[in-house]
Protein backbone atom coordinates (compact mmCIF):
# COMPACT_ATOMS: atom_id res chain seq x y z
CA UNK A 1 109.25 95.34 76.17
CA UNK A 2 108.60 95.42 72.44
CA UNK A 3 105.47 93.32 72.94
CA UNK A 4 103.76 96.28 74.64
CA UNK A 5 102.51 98.91 72.23
CA UNK A 6 102.55 102.57 73.32
CA UNK A 7 99.14 103.79 74.41
CA UNK A 8 97.38 106.27 72.09
CA UNK A 9 94.90 107.44 74.75
CA UNK A 10 94.88 107.42 78.58
CA UNK A 11 95.12 103.73 79.43
CA UNK A 12 94.79 101.79 82.66
CA UNK A 13 95.95 98.19 82.65
CA UNK A 14 94.61 95.11 84.41
CA UNK A 15 97.51 92.78 85.19
CA UNK A 16 96.17 89.33 85.98
CA UNK A 17 95.82 85.77 84.72
CA UNK A 18 92.49 85.62 82.87
CA UNK A 19 91.67 89.31 82.58
CA UNK A 20 89.38 88.92 79.57
CA UNK A 21 86.87 87.00 81.70
CA UNK A 22 86.53 89.79 84.25
CA UNK A 23 83.46 92.01 84.31
CA UNK A 24 85.73 95.05 84.53
CA UNK A 25 86.39 94.91 80.80
CA UNK A 26 82.71 95.71 80.18
CA UNK A 27 82.22 97.83 83.27
CA UNK A 28 85.16 100.22 82.89
CA UNK A 29 83.90 102.09 79.79
CA UNK A 30 80.66 102.89 81.64
CA UNK A 31 82.50 103.86 84.78
CA UNK A 32 84.81 106.11 82.75
CA UNK A 33 81.77 107.95 81.40
CA UNK A 34 80.27 108.34 84.87
CA UNK A 35 83.58 109.65 86.25
CA UNK A 36 84.17 112.05 83.36
CA UNK A 37 87.19 110.09 82.11
CA UNK A 38 86.00 110.40 78.54
CA UNK A 39 89.00 109.07 76.61
CA UNK A 40 90.27 106.56 79.17
CA UNK A 41 90.39 102.86 78.28
CA UNK A 42 91.16 99.59 80.07
CA UNK A 43 93.47 96.91 78.67
CA UNK A 44 94.21 93.49 80.13
CA UNK A 45 97.69 92.00 80.46
CA UNK A 46 97.68 88.26 81.15
CA UNK A 47 100.74 86.76 82.83
CA UNK A 48 101.11 83.16 83.99
CA UNK A 49 101.07 82.47 87.72
CA UNK A 50 104.56 82.84 89.28
CA UNK A 51 106.04 83.93 85.96
CA UNK A 52 109.68 84.71 85.21
CA UNK A 53 110.60 87.89 87.14
CA UNK A 54 111.63 89.56 83.87
CA UNK A 55 107.98 89.53 82.76
CA UNK A 56 107.06 91.71 85.72
CA UNK A 57 110.02 94.00 85.11
CA UNK A 58 109.02 94.42 81.47
CA UNK A 59 105.46 95.46 82.23
CA UNK A 60 106.49 97.89 85.00
CA UNK A 61 109.17 99.48 82.81
CA UNK A 62 106.66 99.88 79.99
CA UNK A 63 104.07 101.61 82.18
CA UNK A 64 106.73 103.81 83.74
CA UNK A 65 108.11 105.00 80.40
CA UNK A 66 104.93 105.24 78.31
CA UNK A 67 103.32 108.72 78.68
CA UNK A 68 99.69 107.66 78.17
CA UNK A 69 99.93 104.52 80.28
CA UNK A 70 98.38 105.88 83.47
CA UNK A 71 98.77 102.89 85.78
CA UNK A 72 97.41 99.46 86.59
CA UNK A 73 95.55 97.22 88.97
CA UNK A 74 97.42 94.04 89.85
CA UNK A 75 95.76 90.79 90.89
CA UNK A 76 97.32 87.38 91.59
CA UNK A 77 100.84 88.76 90.89
CA UNK A 78 100.93 91.28 93.78
CA UNK A 79 103.81 89.60 95.62
CA UNK A 80 105.79 88.45 92.60
CA UNK A 81 105.57 91.80 90.80
CA UNK A 82 106.70 93.68 93.91
CA UNK A 83 109.67 91.40 94.48
CA UNK A 84 110.76 91.58 90.84
CA UNK A 85 110.26 95.28 90.13
CA UNK A 86 110.11 97.29 93.36
CA UNK A 87 113.30 99.15 92.42
CA UNK A 88 111.46 100.93 89.56
CA UNK A 89 109.13 102.80 91.91
CA UNK A 90 109.92 106.23 93.33
CA UNK A 91 107.22 105.81 95.96
CA UNK A 92 105.89 102.70 97.72
CA UNK A 93 103.20 103.12 100.38
CA UNK A 94 103.70 101.67 103.89
CA UNK A 95 101.44 98.67 103.23
CA UNK A 96 103.38 97.82 100.06
CA UNK A 97 106.73 97.82 101.86
CA UNK A 98 105.31 96.10 104.95
CA UNK A 99 103.74 93.23 103.00
CA UNK A 100 106.11 93.16 99.99
CA UNK A 101 103.20 93.39 97.58
CA UNK A 102 101.39 95.93 95.45
CA UNK A 103 97.99 96.01 93.81
CA UNK A 104 98.09 99.55 92.39
CA UNK A 105 100.51 101.20 89.99
CA UNK A 106 100.04 104.92 89.37
CA UNK A 107 101.93 108.07 88.45
CA UNK A 108 102.27 111.59 89.82
CA UNK A 109 104.31 113.58 87.35
CA UNK A 110 107.52 111.63 86.76
CA UNK A 111 107.05 109.59 89.92
CA UNK A 112 105.96 105.94 89.62
CA UNK A 113 103.92 105.00 92.67
CA UNK A 114 103.00 101.63 94.11
CA UNK A 115 100.27 100.94 96.66
CA UNK A 116 98.94 97.88 98.41
CA UNK A 117 95.23 98.70 98.48
CA UNK A 118 93.96 95.34 99.67
CA UNK A 119 94.12 96.12 103.42
CA UNK A 120 91.68 98.94 102.71
CA UNK A 121 89.44 97.26 100.12
CA UNK A 122 89.22 93.92 101.98
CA UNK A 123 88.27 95.76 105.16
CA UNK A 124 85.55 97.74 103.41
CA UNK A 125 84.20 94.52 101.85
CA UNK A 126 84.21 92.71 105.21
CA UNK A 127 82.30 95.57 106.81
CA UNK A 128 79.54 95.05 104.24
CA UNK A 129 78.49 91.75 105.88
CA UNK A 130 80.33 91.25 109.20
CA UNK A 131 78.29 93.07 111.87
CA UNK A 132 80.00 95.74 113.93
CA UNK A 133 81.43 94.34 117.18
CA UNK A 134 80.86 90.81 115.83
CA UNK A 135 83.87 89.29 117.61
CA UNK A 136 83.00 90.96 120.89
CA UNK A 137 79.47 89.57 120.63
CA UNK A 138 80.73 86.11 119.55
CA UNK A 139 83.82 85.62 121.74
CA UNK A 140 84.46 81.99 120.71
CA UNK A 141 84.33 82.65 116.96
CA UNK A 142 87.53 82.67 114.94
CA UNK A 143 88.65 83.22 111.36
CA UNK A 144 89.88 80.58 108.93
CA UNK A 145 91.63 81.93 105.83
CA UNK A 146 92.44 79.33 103.20
CA UNK A 147 95.24 80.80 101.11
CA UNK A 148 98.31 82.81 102.13
CA UNK A 149 98.80 85.25 99.25
CA UNK A 150 98.37 89.00 99.16
CA UNK A 151 94.64 88.95 99.93
CA UNK A 152 95.17 86.77 103.01
CA UNK A 153 97.97 89.01 104.28
CA UNK A 154 95.74 92.06 103.84
CA UNK A 155 92.83 90.44 105.67
CA UNK A 156 95.02 89.54 108.63
CA UNK A 157 96.25 93.12 108.85
CA UNK A 158 92.66 94.36 108.81
CA UNK A 159 91.63 92.10 111.70
CA UNK A 160 94.63 93.30 113.73
CA UNK A 161 93.95 97.01 113.55
CA UNK A 162 94.60 98.66 116.89
CA UNK A 163 91.25 100.46 116.82
CA UNK A 164 89.56 97.05 117.03
CA UNK A 165 91.01 96.35 120.50
CA UNK A 166 88.41 94.39 122.44
CA UNK A 167 86.79 93.24 119.19
CA UNK A 168 89.35 90.76 117.82
CA UNK A 169 88.60 87.22 116.59
CA UNK A 170 89.35 84.55 119.20
CA UNK A 171 91.86 82.99 116.81
CA UNK A 172 93.04 83.51 113.23
CA UNK A 173 93.88 80.32 111.37
CA UNK A 174 95.71 80.31 108.02
CA UNK A 175 95.88 77.18 105.85
CA UNK A 176 97.92 77.05 102.66
CA UNK A 177 99.22 74.44 100.24
CA UNK A 178 102.80 75.78 99.99
CA UNK A 179 105.25 76.22 102.85
CA UNK A 180 107.11 79.40 101.70
CA UNK A 181 103.97 81.55 101.52
CA UNK A 182 102.75 80.15 104.84
CA UNK A 183 106.06 81.06 106.47
CA UNK A 184 105.94 84.53 104.94
CA UNK A 185 102.48 85.36 106.27
CA UNK A 186 103.45 84.00 109.70
CA UNK A 187 106.44 86.33 109.84
CA UNK A 188 104.38 89.35 108.75
CA UNK A 189 101.63 88.65 111.28
CA UNK A 190 104.16 88.27 114.07
CA UNK A 191 105.43 91.79 113.37
CA UNK A 192 101.95 93.33 113.17
CA UNK A 193 100.08 91.64 116.03
CA UNK A 194 99.40 94.48 118.51
CA UNK A 195 97.66 92.65 121.35
CA UNK A 196 98.74 89.03 121.15
CA UNK A 197 95.99 87.60 118.95
CA UNK A 198 96.25 83.82 118.75
CA UNK A 199 97.33 82.46 115.36
CA UNK A 200 97.65 78.98 113.93
CA UNK A 201 99.19 77.93 110.60
CA UNK A 202 98.57 74.70 108.71
CA UNK A 203 100.31 73.33 105.64
CA UNK A 204 97.46 71.81 103.60
CA UNK A 205 98.52 70.69 100.11
CA UNK A 206 95.42 68.46 99.88
CA UNK A 207 91.80 69.64 100.11
CA UNK A 208 91.02 66.93 102.65
CA UNK A 209 93.52 68.54 105.04
CA UNK A 210 91.56 71.81 104.83
CA UNK A 211 88.44 69.83 105.77
CA UNK A 212 90.17 68.78 108.99
CA UNK A 213 91.17 72.35 109.84
CA UNK A 214 87.64 73.56 109.08
CA UNK A 215 86.18 70.95 111.43
CA UNK A 216 88.13 72.52 114.32
CA UNK A 217 86.62 75.99 113.87
CA UNK A 218 84.07 77.06 116.51
CA UNK A 219 80.50 77.99 115.65
CA UNK A 220 80.03 81.48 114.29
CA UNK A 221 83.52 81.55 112.74
CA UNK A 222 84.32 83.37 109.52
CA UNK A 223 85.49 80.97 106.79
CA UNK A 224 87.28 82.54 103.80
CA UNK A 225 88.37 81.15 100.44
CA UNK A 226 91.37 83.27 99.48
CA UNK A 227 93.07 80.59 97.38
CA UNK A 228 92.01 81.63 93.88
CA UNK A 229 90.41 78.21 93.40
CA UNK A 230 87.00 78.65 91.82
CA UNK A 231 88.14 81.68 89.84
CA UNK A 232 91.31 81.40 87.72
CA UNK A 233 91.43 77.67 88.40
CA UNK A 234 88.39 75.44 88.88
CA UNK A 235 87.60 73.75 92.16
CA UNK A 236 87.53 74.47 95.88
CA UNK A 237 90.05 74.30 98.73
CA UNK A 238 87.56 71.94 100.45
CA UNK A 239 86.17 68.56 99.45
CA UNK A 240 82.44 67.97 99.19
CA UNK A 241 82.63 66.11 102.52
CA UNK A 242 83.62 69.27 104.42
CA UNK A 243 81.20 70.49 107.09
CA UNK A 244 80.98 74.20 107.92
CA UNK A 245 80.60 75.33 111.54
CA UNK A 246 77.09 76.21 112.67
CA UNK A 247 76.16 79.89 112.27
CA UNK A 248 79.35 80.52 110.27
CA UNK A 249 79.99 83.51 108.05
CA UNK A 250 81.29 82.21 104.72
CA UNK A 251 83.16 84.51 102.34
CA UNK A 252 84.03 83.51 98.80
CA UNK A 253 86.23 86.42 97.75
CA UNK A 254 85.68 85.59 94.07
CA UNK A 255 82.56 86.64 92.17
CA UNK A 256 83.21 84.75 88.90
CA UNK A 257 84.36 81.28 87.94
CA UNK A 258 82.85 77.98 89.03
CA UNK A 259 82.71 79.24 92.67
CA UNK A 260 82.64 75.65 93.96
CA UNK A 261 83.50 76.74 97.51
CA UNK A 262 80.49 79.06 97.64
CA UNK A 263 78.21 76.36 96.23
CA UNK A 264 79.45 73.92 98.86
CA UNK A 265 78.40 76.41 101.51
CA UNK A 266 75.04 76.99 99.82
CA UNK A 267 74.35 73.26 99.97
CA UNK A 268 74.68 73.47 103.77
CA UNK A 269 73.23 76.95 104.26
CA UNK A 270 69.90 75.95 105.75
CA UNK A 271 71.12 73.03 107.85
CA UNK A 272 74.10 74.93 109.30
CA UNK A 273 72.51 78.42 109.35
CA UNK A 274 75.26 79.96 107.23
CA UNK A 275 75.60 83.57 106.12
CA UNK A 276 77.23 83.52 102.67
CA UNK A 277 78.85 86.42 100.84
CA UNK A 278 80.48 86.40 97.44
CA UNK A 279 83.29 88.64 96.24
CA UNK A 280 81.24 91.26 94.44
CA UNK A 281 81.78 94.14 96.86
CA UNK A 282 85.42 93.13 97.20
CA UNK A 283 85.60 93.53 93.42
CA UNK A 284 83.90 96.94 93.59
CA UNK A 285 86.07 98.29 96.41
CA UNK A 286 89.23 96.78 94.95
CA UNK A 287 88.74 98.44 91.59
CA UNK A 288 87.45 101.80 92.78
CA UNK A 289 90.33 102.20 95.24
CA UNK A 290 92.86 101.70 92.44
CA UNK A 291 91.01 103.71 89.78
CA UNK A 292 90.84 106.57 92.26
CA UNK A 293 94.62 106.39 92.67
CA UNK A 294 95.43 106.01 88.96
CA UNK A 295 93.27 108.92 87.83
CA UNK A 296 93.69 110.99 91.02
CA UNK A 297 89.92 111.13 91.48
CA UNK A 298 88.09 110.46 94.78
CA UNK A 299 85.46 107.71 94.61
CA UNK A 300 83.24 107.40 97.67
CA UNK A 301 79.71 107.91 98.96
CA UNK A 302 77.10 108.43 96.24
CA UNK A 303 79.71 108.13 93.48
CA UNK A 304 80.70 104.70 94.78
CA UNK A 305 77.08 103.53 94.98
CA UNK A 306 76.42 104.78 91.46
CA UNK A 307 79.41 102.82 90.15
CA UNK A 308 78.15 99.72 92.00
CA UNK A 309 74.76 100.07 90.28
CA UNK A 310 76.43 100.44 86.88
CA UNK A 311 78.64 97.40 87.45
CA UNK A 312 75.74 95.25 88.70
CA UNK A 313 74.24 95.35 85.21
CA UNK A 314 77.23 93.32 83.99
CA UNK A 315 77.49 90.90 86.91
CA UNK A 316 76.88 87.41 85.55
CA UNK A 317 77.05 85.05 88.51
């Protein structure tokens, strides 16, 4: 833990892989001003993907014990950090325990709190571009999620909400390059599925195998890149030979990086009549949900829109 220096002013951390490249490092100081968090600062903590569990323990212990370390947002490491350090939290929200992941670390007095905010933030981001009652109006359309990490788990839980009865996708398909994560998301979905939604799972270590799965998706389906490829690592889960379904909704959940998946969709946008969305609003909702928790400050309505406008000035696509 010696590598972490005690904070000298209220500090929120960003635990990720390439945090210095994120717009949040420029955005946060302006957001702090707008929210009246005058002395608050943001610091990045970069940890390698699937790091030694002790690395996650060290960072959680540091935040827990350091008075001016207010909390953190966690990306990429949501599952690994939870599994390594869950015992250090006095409170874990139901989503965190259900999905064995956390994206938010915060404090209330002496209590260290962990939340999985992605089921909320991914849902809010989806509602920005998926029309209300879309699945009811497009009964053949399904969802293909490439990737089986925390974001994919959260998206599945959003689609399965009981209040959406009668407006579920025809089928939810998950494709992932590693078997353990694929098995994990299958087990979680089986526990959550309220009305017998049809699922399919494909082990796809090669991009060409994702192309095959994509080809099976009906027109109007929602196609999601939740792999991290195109952000922390270059590339796309698809090859350049992949063909998107007609009238598909295409969601690249990243907003920075080479975004090859999104560019592949753009190359077919006119011919296939695609609706394409990047990860900008996912970024906005993801951060504001956690900042609200860390600083115990509601962020919604006009405040949210003002923060979006501030952040847009720093968005370099």
